[in-house]
Amino acid sequence: MPRTPTGRAAQDRGTRYAAALAKKSGTTRDEQLMADLCEYVIQVQAPAFNPRLVWEGAQAAGVTHAQLKEMVRLGQWRNVEELMWAAMERQ
């Protein structure tokens, strides 16, 4: 069973995603656009995916907003799923 993050590690990941969604300073434009894509587009087209985990996986893998957007446009859901699972494994 995957380990659930606790304490500061879990808070930092969630806080970073929330900051990107809120477009707060300290987050890049690419992080903000990707957070919007995950929260509002991927969540509608693939509701089984966790938007924050997709975002975290993409950030960790060095995927840009444009690359993730292209995966979604082409329906490459397996690639998006792999990003999500990679984020879960890191926790």
PDB file of N, CA and C in Angstrom:
ATOM      1  N   MET A   1       0.844  -1.178   0.000  1.00  0.00           N
ATOM      2  CA  MET A   1       0.000   0.000   0.000  1.00  0.00           C
ATOM      3  C   MET A   1       0.889   1.241   0.000  1.00  0.00           C
ATOM      4  N   PRO A   2       0.581   2.225  -0.869  1.00  0.00           N
ATOM      5  CA  PRO A   2       1.410   3.438  -0.927  1.00  0.00           C
ATOM      6  C   PRO A   2       1.379   4.190   0.398  1.00  0.00           C
ATOM      7  N   ARG A   3       2.491   4.766   0.708  1.00  0.00           N
ATOM      8  CA  ARG A   3       2.597   5.558   1.931  1.00  0.00           C
ATOM      9  C   ARG A   3       1.901   6.894   1.729  1.00  0.00           C
ATOM     10  N   THR A   4       1.101   7.284   2.672  1.00  0.00           N
ATOM     11  CA  THR A   4       0.402   8.561   2.612  1.00  0.00           C
ATOM     12  C   THR A   4       1.281   9.626   3.241  1.00  0.00           C
ATOM     13  N   PRO A   5       1.518  10.722   2.523  1.00  0.00           N
ATOM     14  CA  PRO A   5       2.357  11.770   3.092  1.00  0.00           C
ATOM     15  C   PRO A   5       1.664  12.428   4.271  1.00  0.00           C
ATOM     16  N   THR A   6       2.446  12.766   5.244  1.00  0.00           N
ATOM     17  CA  THR A   6       1.889  13.443   6.413  1.00  0.00           C
ATOM     18  C   THR A   6       2.722  14.677   6.717  1.00  0.00           C
ATOM     19  N   GLY A   7       2.204  15.514   7.550  1.00  0.00           N
ATOM     20  CA  GLY A   7       2.960  16.673   8.003  1.00  0.00           C
ATOM     21  C   GLY A   7       3.297  17.645   6.899  1.00  0.00           C
ATOM     22  N   ARG A   8       4.502  18.190   7.011  1.00  0.00           N
ATOM     23  CA  ARG A   8       4.935  19.259   6.119  1.00  0.00           C
ATOM     24  C   ARG A   8       5.038  18.823   4.657  1.00  0.00           C
ATOM     25  N   ALA A   9       5.488  17.588   4.381  1.00  0.00           N
ATOM     26  CA  ALA A   9       5.638  17.131   2.991  1.00  0.00           C
ATOM     27  C   ALA A   9       4.307  17.166   2.254  1.00  0.00           C
ATOM     28  N   ALA A  10       3.266  16.660   2.883  1.00  0.00           N
ATOM     29  CA  ALA A  10       1.939  16.664   2.253  1.00  0.00           C
ATOM     30  C   ALA A  10       1.429  18.090   2.097  1.00  0.00           C
ATOM     31  N   GLN A  11       1.646  18.917   3.112  1.00  0.00           N
ATOM     32  CA  GLN A  11       1.177  20.300   3.063  1.00  0.00           C
ATOM     33  C   GLN A  11       1.892  21.080   1.964  1.00  0.00           C
ATOM     34  N   ASP A  12       3.187  20.874   1.810  1.00  0.00           N
ATOM     35  CA  ASP A  12       3.938  21.604   0.791  1.00  0.00           C
ATOM     36  C   ASP A  12       3.432  21.295  -0.611  1.00  0.00           C
ATOM     37  N   ARG A  13       3.165  20.025  -0.903  1.00  0.00           N
ATOM     38  CA  ARG A  13       2.671  19.662  -2.234  1.00  0.00           C
ATOM     39  C   ARG A  13       1.292  20.251  -2.479  1.00  0.00           C
ATOM     40  N   GLY A  14       0.397  20.104  -1.513  1.00  0.00           N
ATOM     41  CA  GLY A  14      -0.944  20.646  -1.656  1.00  0.00           C
ATOM     42  C   GLY A  14      -0.944  22.158  -1.730  1.00  0.00           C
ATOM     43  N   THR A  15      -0.094  22.787  -0.941  1.00  0.00           N
ATOM     44  CA  THR A  15      -0.007  24.244  -0.929  1.00  0.00           C
ATOM     45  C   THR A  15       0.521  24.766  -2.259  1.00  0.00           C
ATOM     46  N   ARG A  16       1.499  24.094  -2.822  1.00  0.00           N
ATOM     47  CA  ARG A  16       2.085  24.522  -4.103  1.00  0.00           C
ATOM     48  C   ARG A  16       1.033  24.459  -5.214  1.00  0.00           C
ATOM     49  N   TYR A  17       0.260  23.386  -5.253  1.00  0.00           N
ATOM     50  CA  TYR A  17      -0.799  23.239  -6.257  1.00  0.00           C
ATOM     51  C   TYR A  17      -1.872  24.313  -6.061  1.00  0.00           C
ATOM     52  N   ALA A  18      -2.280  24.520  -4.812  1.00  0.00           N
ATOM     53  CA  ALA A  18      -3.296  25.537  -4.517  1.00  0.00           C
ATOM     54  C   ALA A  18      -2.792  26.931  -4.895  1.00  0.00           C
ATOM     55  N   ALA A  19      -1.516  27.193  -4.639  1.00  0.00           N
ATOM     56  CA  ALA A  19      -0.943  28.494  -4.997  1.00  0.00           C
ATOM     57  C   ALA A  19      -0.943  28.682  -6.507  1.00  0.00           C
ATOM     58  N   ALA A  20      -0.634  27.613  -7.236  1.00  0.00           N
ATOM     59  CA  ALA A  20      -0.644  27.706  -8.702  1.00  0.00           C
ATOM     60  C   ALA A  20      -2.061  27.948  -9.206  1.00  0.00           C
ATOM     61  N   LEU A  21      -3.041  27.276  -8.621  1.00  0.00           N
ATOM     62  CA  LEU A  21      -4.437  27.485  -9.027  1.00  0.00           C
ATOM     63  C   LEU A  21      -4.890  28.911  -8.735  1.00  0.00           C
ATOM     64  N   ALA A  22      -4.443  29.444  -7.620  1.00  0.00           N
ATOM     65  CA  ALA A  22      -4.830  30.801  -7.228  1.00  0.00           C
ATOM     66  C   ALA A  22      -3.975  31.869  -7.903  1.00  0.00           C
ATOM     67  N   LYS A  23      -3.000  31.426  -8.690  1.00  0.00           N
ATOM     68  CA  LYS A  23      -2.099  32.326  -9.414  1.00  0.00           C
ATOM     69  C   LYS A  23      -1.370  33.272  -8.468  1.00  0.00           C
ATOM     70  N   LYS A  24      -0.888  32.720  -7.368  1.00  0.00           N
ATOM     71  CA  LYS A  24      -0.161  33.516  -6.383  1.00  0.00           C
ATOM     72  C   LYS A  24       1.291  33.674  -6.799  1.00  0.00           C
ATOM     73  N   SER A  25       1.922  34.712  -6.275  1.00  0.00           N
ATOM     74  CA  SER A  25       3.324  34.928  -6.568  1.00  0.00           C
ATOM     75  C   SER A  25       4.133  33.753  -6.025  1.00  0.00           C
ATOM     76  N   GLY A  26       5.242  33.496  -6.658  1.00  0.00           N
ATOM     77  CA  GLY A  26       6.066  32.361  -6.279  1.00  0.00           C
ATOM     78  C   GLY A  26       5.819  31.143  -7.146  1.00  0.00           C
ATOM     79  N   THR A  27       4.786  31.200  -7.972  1.00  0.00           N
ATOM     80  CA  THR A  27       4.544  30.122  -8.928  1.00  0.00           C
ATOM     81  C   THR A  27       4.744  30.672 -10.335  1.00  0.00           C
ATOM     82  N   THR A  28       5.239  29.843 -11.210  1.00  0.00           N
ATOM     83  CA  THR A  28       5.494  30.278 -12.584  1.00  0.00           C
ATOM     84  C   THR A  28       4.208  30.262 -13.399  1.00  0.00           C
ATOM     85  N   ARG A  29       4.232  30.967 -14.492  1.00  0.00           N
ATOM     86  CA  ARG A  29       3.068  30.997 -15.395  1.00  0.00           C
ATOM     87  C   ARG A  29       2.754  29.589 -15.903  1.00  0.00           C
ATOM     88  N   ASP A  30       3.799  28.796 -16.203  1.00  0.00           N
ATOM     89  CA  ASP A  30       3.588  27.433 -16.684  1.00  0.00           C
ATOM     90  C   ASP A  30       2.903  26.584 -15.612  1.00  0.00           C
ATOM     91  N   GLU A  31       3.320  26.741 -14.354  1.00  0.00           N
ATOM     92  CA  GLU A  31       2.679  26.001 -13.259  1.00  0.00           C
ATOM     93  C   GLU A  31       1.207  26.392 -13.139  1.00  0.00           C
ATOM     94  N   GLN A  32       0.930  27.669 -13.303  1.00  0.00           N
ATOM     95  CA  GLN A  32      -0.445  28.152 -13.195  1.00  0.00           C
ATOM     96  C   GLN A  32      -1.316  27.615 -14.330  1.00  0.00           C
ATOM     97  N   LEU A  33      -0.803  27.687 -15.546  1.00  0.00           N
ATOM     98  CA  LEU A  33      -1.568  27.181 -16.691  1.00  0.00           C
ATOM     99  C   LEU A  33      -1.800  25.686 -16.578  1.00  0.00           C
ATOM    100  N   MET A  34      -0.772  24.961 -16.110  1.00  0.00           N
ATOM    101  CA  MET A  34      -0.909  23.517 -15.955  1.00  0.00           C
ATOM    102  C   MET A  34      -1.920  23.192 -14.863  1.00  0.00           C
ATOM    103  N   ALA A  35      -1.926  23.933 -13.768  1.00  0.00           N
ATOM    104  CA  ALA A  35      -2.895  23.705 -12.693  1.00  0.00           C
ATOM    105  C   ALA A  35      -4.320  23.917 -13.208  1.00  0.00           C
ATOM    106  N   ASP A  36      -4.526  24.968 -13.992  1.00  0.00           N
ATOM    107  CA  ASP A  36      -5.844  25.203 -14.595  1.00  0.00           C
ATOM    108  C   ASP A  36      -6.230  24.059 -15.525  1.00  0.00           C
ATOM    109  N   LEU A  37      -5.295  23.604 -16.334  1.00  0.00           N
ATOM    110  CA  LEU A  37      -5.559  22.492 -17.257  1.00  0.00           C
ATOM    111  C   LEU A  37      -5.958  21.244 -16.472  1.00  0.00           C
ATOM    112  N   CYS A  38      -5.221  20.943 -15.420  1.00  0.00           N
ATOM    113  CA  CYS A  38      -5.516  19.750 -14.617  1.00  0.00           C
ATOM    114  C   CYS A  38      -6.864  19.866 -13.915  1.00  0.00           C
ATOM    115  N   GLU A  39      -7.126  21.015 -13.335  1.00  0.00           N
ATOM    116  CA  GLU A  39      -8.327  21.201 -12.523  1.00  0.00           C
ATOM    117  C   GLU A  39      -9.602  21.304 -13.355  1.00  0.00           C
ATOM    118  N   TYR A  40      -9.525  22.002 -14.481  1.00  0.00           N
ATOM    119  CA  TYR A  40     -10.749  22.313 -15.212  1.00  0.00           C
ATOM    120  C   TYR A  40     -10.936  21.545 -16.514  1.00  0.00           C
ATOM    121  N   VAL A  41      -9.882  21.090 -17.143  1.00  0.00           N
ATOM    122  CA  VAL A  41     -10.021  20.357 -18.410  1.00  0.00           C
ATOM    123  C   VAL A  41      -9.896  18.856 -18.175  1.00  0.00           C
ATOM    124  N   ILE A  42      -8.790  18.449 -17.581  1.00  0.00           N
ATOM    125  CA  ILE A  42      -8.592  17.013 -17.366  1.00  0.00           C
ATOM    126  C   ILE A  42      -9.670  16.462 -16.447  1.00  0.00           C
ATOM    127  N   GLN A  43     -10.038  17.211 -15.422  1.00  0.00           N
ATOM    128  CA  GLN A  43     -11.056  16.743 -14.487  1.00  0.00           C
ATOM    129  C   GLN A  43     -12.397  16.516 -15.179  1.00  0.00           C
ATOM    130  N   VAL A  44     -12.705  17.296 -16.191  1.00  0.00           N
ATOM    131  CA  VAL A  44     -13.963  17.128 -16.928  1.00  0.00           C
ATOM    132  C   VAL A  44     -13.853  15.979 -17.926  1.00  0.00           C
ATOM    133  N   GLN A  45     -12.721  15.888 -18.626  1.00  0.00           N
ATOM    134  CA  GLN A  45     -12.569  14.870 -19.657  1.00  0.00           C
ATOM    135  C   GLN A  45     -12.219  13.495 -19.092  1.00  0.00           C
ATOM    136  N   ALA A  46     -11.565  13.472 -17.955  1.00  0.00           N
ATOM    137  CA  ALA A  46     -11.169  12.201 -17.335  1.00  0.00           C
ATOM    138  C   ALA A  46     -11.371  12.318 -15.820  1.00  0.00           C
ATOM    139  N   PRO A  47     -12.617  12.236 -15.351  1.00  0.00           N
ATOM    140  CA  PRO A  47     -12.909  12.496 -13.949  1.00  0.00           C
ATOM    141  C   PRO A  47     -12.241  11.527 -12.970  1.00  0.00           C
ATOM    142  N   ALA A  48     -11.771  10.404 -13.429  1.00  0.00           N
ATOM    143  CA  ALA A  48     -11.120   9.452 -12.522  1.00  0.00           C
ATOM    144  C   ALA A  48      -9.713   9.907 -12.131  1.00  0.00           C
ATOM    145  N   PHE A  49      -9.159  10.854 -12.867  1.00  0.00           N
ATOM    146  CA  PHE A  49      -7.800  11.323 -12.569  1.00  0.00           C
ATOM    147  C   PHE A  49      -7.837  12.387 -11.485  1.00  0.00           C
ATOM    148  N   ASN A  50      -6.863  12.330 -10.612  1.00  0.00           N
ATOM    149  CA  ASN A  50      -6.739  13.332  -9.560  1.00  0.00           C
ATOM    150  C   ASN A  50      -5.933  14.503 -10.122  1.00  0.00           C
ATOM    151  N   PRO A  51      -6.533  15.683 -10.246  1.00  0.00           N
ATOM    152  CA  PRO A  51      -5.839  16.809 -10.882  1.00  0.00           C
ATOM    153  C   PRO A  51      -4.530  17.186 -10.197  1.00  0.00           C
ATOM    154  N   ARG A  52      -4.520  17.188  -8.867  1.00  0.00           N
ATOM    155  CA  ARG A  52      -3.299  17.565  -8.146  1.00  0.00           C
ATOM    156  C   ARG A  52      -2.185  16.551  -8.390  1.00  0.00           C
ATOM    157  N   LEU A  53      -2.525  15.266  -8.427  1.00  0.00           N
ATOM    158  CA  LEU A  53      -1.494  14.250  -8.655  1.00  0.00           C
ATOM    159  C   LEU A  53      -0.961  14.300 -10.082  1.00  0.00           C
ATOM    160  N   VAL A  54      -1.833  14.579 -11.043  1.00  0.00           N
ATOM    161  CA  VAL A  54      -1.364  14.743 -12.430  1.00  0.00           C
ATOM    162  C   VAL A  54      -0.401  15.924 -12.490  1.00  0.00           C
ATOM    163  N   TRP A  55      -0.773  17.022 -11.834  1.00  0.00           N
ATOM    164  CA  TRP A  55       0.073  18.220 -11.813  1.00  0.00           C
ATOM    165  C   TRP A  55       1.418  17.923 -11.167  1.00  0.00           C
ATOM    166  N   GLU A  56       1.392  17.262 -10.007  1.00  0.00           N
ATOM    167  CA  GLU A  56       2.642  16.929  -9.311  1.00  0.00           C
ATOM    168  C   GLU A  56       3.532  16.031 -10.157  1.00  0.00           C
ATOM    169  N   GLY A  57       2.927  15.022 -10.784  1.00  0.00           N
ATOM    170  CA  GLY A  57       3.700  14.109 -11.628  1.00  0.00           C
ATOM    171  C   GLY A  57       4.317  14.821 -12.813  1.00  0.00           C
ATOM    172  N   ALA A  58       3.550  15.706 -13.422  1.00  0.00           N
ATOM    173  CA  ALA A  58       4.061  16.462 -14.569  1.00  0.00           C
ATOM    174  C   ALA A  58       5.193  17.395 -14.141  1.00  0.00           C
ATOM    175  N   GLN A  59       5.026  18.046 -12.996  1.00  0.00           N
ATOM    176  CA  GLN A  59       6.076  18.936 -12.495  1.00  0.00           C
ATOM    177  C   GLN A  59       7.356  18.156 -12.221  1.00  0.00           C
ATOM    178  N   ALA A  60       7.218  17.001 -11.566  1.00  0.00           N
ATOM    179  CA  ALA A  60       8.388  16.183 -11.223  1.00  0.00           C
ATOM    180  C   ALA A  60       9.080  15.634 -12.464  1.00  0.00           C
ATOM    181  N   ALA A  61       8.300  15.343 -13.513  1.00  0.00           N
ATOM    182  CA  ALA A  61       8.861  14.773 -14.738  1.00  0.00           C
ATOM    183  C   ALA A  61       9.403  15.847 -15.685  1.00  0.00           C
ATOM    184  N   GLY A  62       9.186  17.107 -15.348  1.00  0.00           N
ATOM    185  CA  GLY A  62       9.663  18.181 -16.207  1.00  0.00           C
ATOM    186  C   GLY A  62       8.796  18.417 -17.433  1.00  0.00           C
ATOM    187  N   VAL A  63       7.553  17.979 -17.364  1.00  0.00           N
ATOM    188  CA  VAL A  63       6.608  18.177 -18.467  1.00  0.00           C
ATOM    189  C   VAL A  63       6.101  19.613 -18.406  1.00  0.00           C
ATOM    190  N   THR A  64       6.022  20.262 -19.540  1.00  0.00           N
ATOM    191  CA  THR A  64       5.508  21.628 -19.588  1.00  0.00           C
ATOM    192  C   THR A  64       3.997  21.625 -19.781  1.00  0.00           C
ATOM    193  N   HIS A  65       3.401  22.784 -19.565  1.00  0.00           N
ATOM    194  CA  HIS A  65       1.970  22.941 -19.806  1.00  0.00           C
ATOM    195  C   HIS A  65       1.627  22.581 -21.252  1.00  0.00           C
ATOM    196  N   ALA A  66       2.434  23.059 -22.185  1.00  0.00           N
ATOM    197  CA  ALA A  66       2.165  22.795 -23.611  1.00  0.00           C
ATOM    198  C   ALA A  66       2.228  21.299 -23.918  1.00  0.00           C
ATOM    199  N   GLN A  67       3.169  20.599 -23.317  1.00  0.00           N
ATOM    200  CA  GLN A  67       3.283  19.154 -23.551  1.00  0.00           C
ATOM    201  C   GLN A  67       2.085  18.414 -22.963  1.00  0.00           C
ATOM    202  N   LEU A  68       1.673  18.784 -21.761  1.00  0.00           N
ATOM    203  CA  LEU A  68       0.511  18.132 -21.150  1.00  0.00           C
ATOM    204  C   LEU A  68      -0.758  18.443 -21.940  1.00  0.00           C
ATOM    205  N   LYS A  69      -0.878  19.675 -22.374  1.00  0.00           N
ATOM    206  CA  LYS A  69      -2.043  20.072 -23.180  1.00  0.00           C
ATOM    207  C   LYS A  69      -2.109  19.255 -24.468  1.00  0.00           C
ATOM    208  N   GLU A  70      -0.964  19.011 -25.074  1.00  0.00           N
ATOM    209  CA  GLU A  70      -0.916  18.205 -26.300  1.00  0.00           C
ATOM    210  C   GLU A  70      -1.310  16.755 -26.016  1.00  0.00           C
ATOM    211  N   MET A  71      -0.874  16.213 -24.879  1.00  0.00           N
ATOM    212  CA  MET A  71      -1.282  14.850 -24.506  1.00  0.00           C
ATOM    213  C   MET A  71      -2.801  14.763 -24.399  1.00  0.00           C
ATOM    214  N   VAL A  72      -3.395  15.755 -23.769  1.00  0.00           N
ATOM    215  CA  VAL A  72      -4.852  15.782 -23.604  1.00  0.00           C
ATOM    216  C   VAL A  72      -5.532  15.948 -24.959  1.00  0.00           C
ATOM    217  N   ARG A  73      -5.028  16.851 -25.773  1.00  0.00           N
ATOM    218  CA  ARG A  73      -5.627  17.095 -27.093  1.00  0.00           C
ATOM    219  C   ARG A  73      -5.627  15.839 -27.952  1.00  0.00           C
ATOM    220  N   LEU A  74      -4.538  15.070 -27.864  1.00  0.00           N
ATOM    221  CA  LEU A  74      -4.416  13.847 -28.664  1.00  0.00           C
ATOM    222  C   LEU A  74      -5.061  12.632 -27.998  1.00  0.00           C
ATOM    223  N   GLY A  75      -5.577  12.831 -26.794  1.00  0.00           N
ATOM    224  CA  GLY A  75      -6.208  11.721 -26.080  1.00  0.00           C
ATOM    225  C   GLY A  75      -5.210  10.684 -25.586  1.00  0.00           C
ATOM    226  N   GLN A  76      -4.032  11.123 -25.245  1.00  0.00           N
ATOM    227  CA  GLN A  76      -3.003  10.207 -24.749  1.00  0.00           C
ATOM    228  C   GLN A  76      -3.167  10.023 -23.244  1.00  0.00           C
ATOM    229  N   TRP A  77      -4.297   9.422 -22.872  1.00  0.00           N
ATOM    230  CA  TRP A  77      -4.657   9.295 -21.466  1.00  0.00           C
ATOM    231  C   TRP A  77      -3.730   8.369 -20.695  1.00  0.00           C
ATOM    232  N   ARG A  78      -3.151   7.408 -21.375  1.00  0.00           N
ATOM    233  CA  ARG A  78      -2.209   6.503 -20.694  1.00  0.00           C
ATOM    234  C   ARG A  78      -0.996   7.301 -20.186  1.00  0.00           C
ATOM    235  N   ASN A  79      -0.511   8.238 -20.984  1.00  0.00           N
ATOM    236  CA  ASN A  79       0.617   9.078 -20.561  1.00  0.00           C
ATOM    237  C   ASN A  79       0.246   9.950 -19.366  1.00  0.00           C
ATOM    238  N   VAL A  80      -0.955  10.494 -19.398  1.00  0.00           N
ATOM    239  CA  VAL A  80      -1.429  11.329 -18.287  1.00  0.00           C
ATOM    240  C   VAL A  80      -1.573  10.466 -17.033  1.00  0.00           C
ATOM    241  N   GLU A  81      -2.103   9.271 -17.210  1.00  0.00           N
ATOM    242  CA  GLU A  81      -2.259   8.350 -16.083  1.00  0.00           C
ATOM    243  C   GLU A  81      -0.901   7.998 -15.457  1.00  0.00           C
ATOM    244  N   GLU A  82       0.096   7.786 -16.296  1.00  0.00           N
ATOM    245  CA  GLU A  82       1.435   7.468 -15.793  1.00  0.00           C
ATOM    246  C   GLU A  82       2.010   8.613 -14.954  1.00  0.00           C
ATOM    247  N   LEU A  83       1.719   9.847 -15.342  1.00  0.00           N
ATOM    248  CA  LEU A  83       2.160  10.990 -14.540  1.00  0.00           C
ATOM    249  C   LEU A  83       1.513  10.958 -13.156  1.00  0.00           C
ATOM    250  N   MET A  84       0.213  10.652 -13.141  1.00  0.00           N
ATOM    251  CA  MET A  84      -0.506  10.601 -11.876  1.00  0.00           C
ATOM    252  C   MET A  84       0.048   9.496 -10.972  1.00  0.00           C
ATOM    253  N   TRP A  85       0.248   8.305 -11.529  1.00  0.00           N
ATOM    254  CA  TRP A  85       0.754   7.203 -10.725  1.00  0.00           C
ATOM    255  C   TRP A  85       2.171   7.457 -10.258  1.00  0.00           C
ATOM    256  N   ALA A  86       2.973   8.110 -11.068  1.00  0.00           N
ATOM    257  CA  ALA A  86       4.346   8.433 -10.662  1.00  0.00           C
ATOM    258  C   ALA A  86       4.319   9.344  -9.431  1.00  0.00           C
ATOM    259  N   ALA A  87       3.390  10.289  -9.418  1.00  0.00           N
ATOM    260  CA  ALA A  87       3.267  11.185  -8.264  1.00  0.00           C
ATOM    261  C   ALA A  87       2.828  10.410  -7.026  1.00  0.00           C
ATOM    262  N   MET A  88       1.952   9.456  -7.202  1.00  0.00           N
ATOM    263  CA  MET A  88       1.477   8.660  -6.069  1.00  0.00           C
ATOM    264  C   MET A  88       2.591   7.792  -5.509  1.00  0.00           C
ATOM    265  N   GLU A  89       3.430   7.277  -6.380  1.00  0.00           N
ATOM    266  CA  GLU A  89       4.538   6.430  -5.928  1.00  0.00           C
ATOM    267  C   GLU A  89       5.564   7.232  -5.140  1.00  0.00           C
ATOM    268  N   ARG A  90       5.732   8.497  -5.458  1.00  0.00           N
ATOM    269  CA  ARG A  90       6.690   9.349  -4.747  1.00  0.00           C
ATOM    270  C   ARG A  90       6.218   9.695  -3.339  1.00  0.00           C
ATOM    271  N   GLN A  91       4.929   9.555  -3.100  1.00  0.00           N
ATOM    272  CA  GLN A  91       4.405   9.928  -1.784  1.00  0.00           C
ATOM    273  C   GLN A  91       4.725   8.900  -0.812  1.00  0.00           C
TER     274      GLN A  91
END
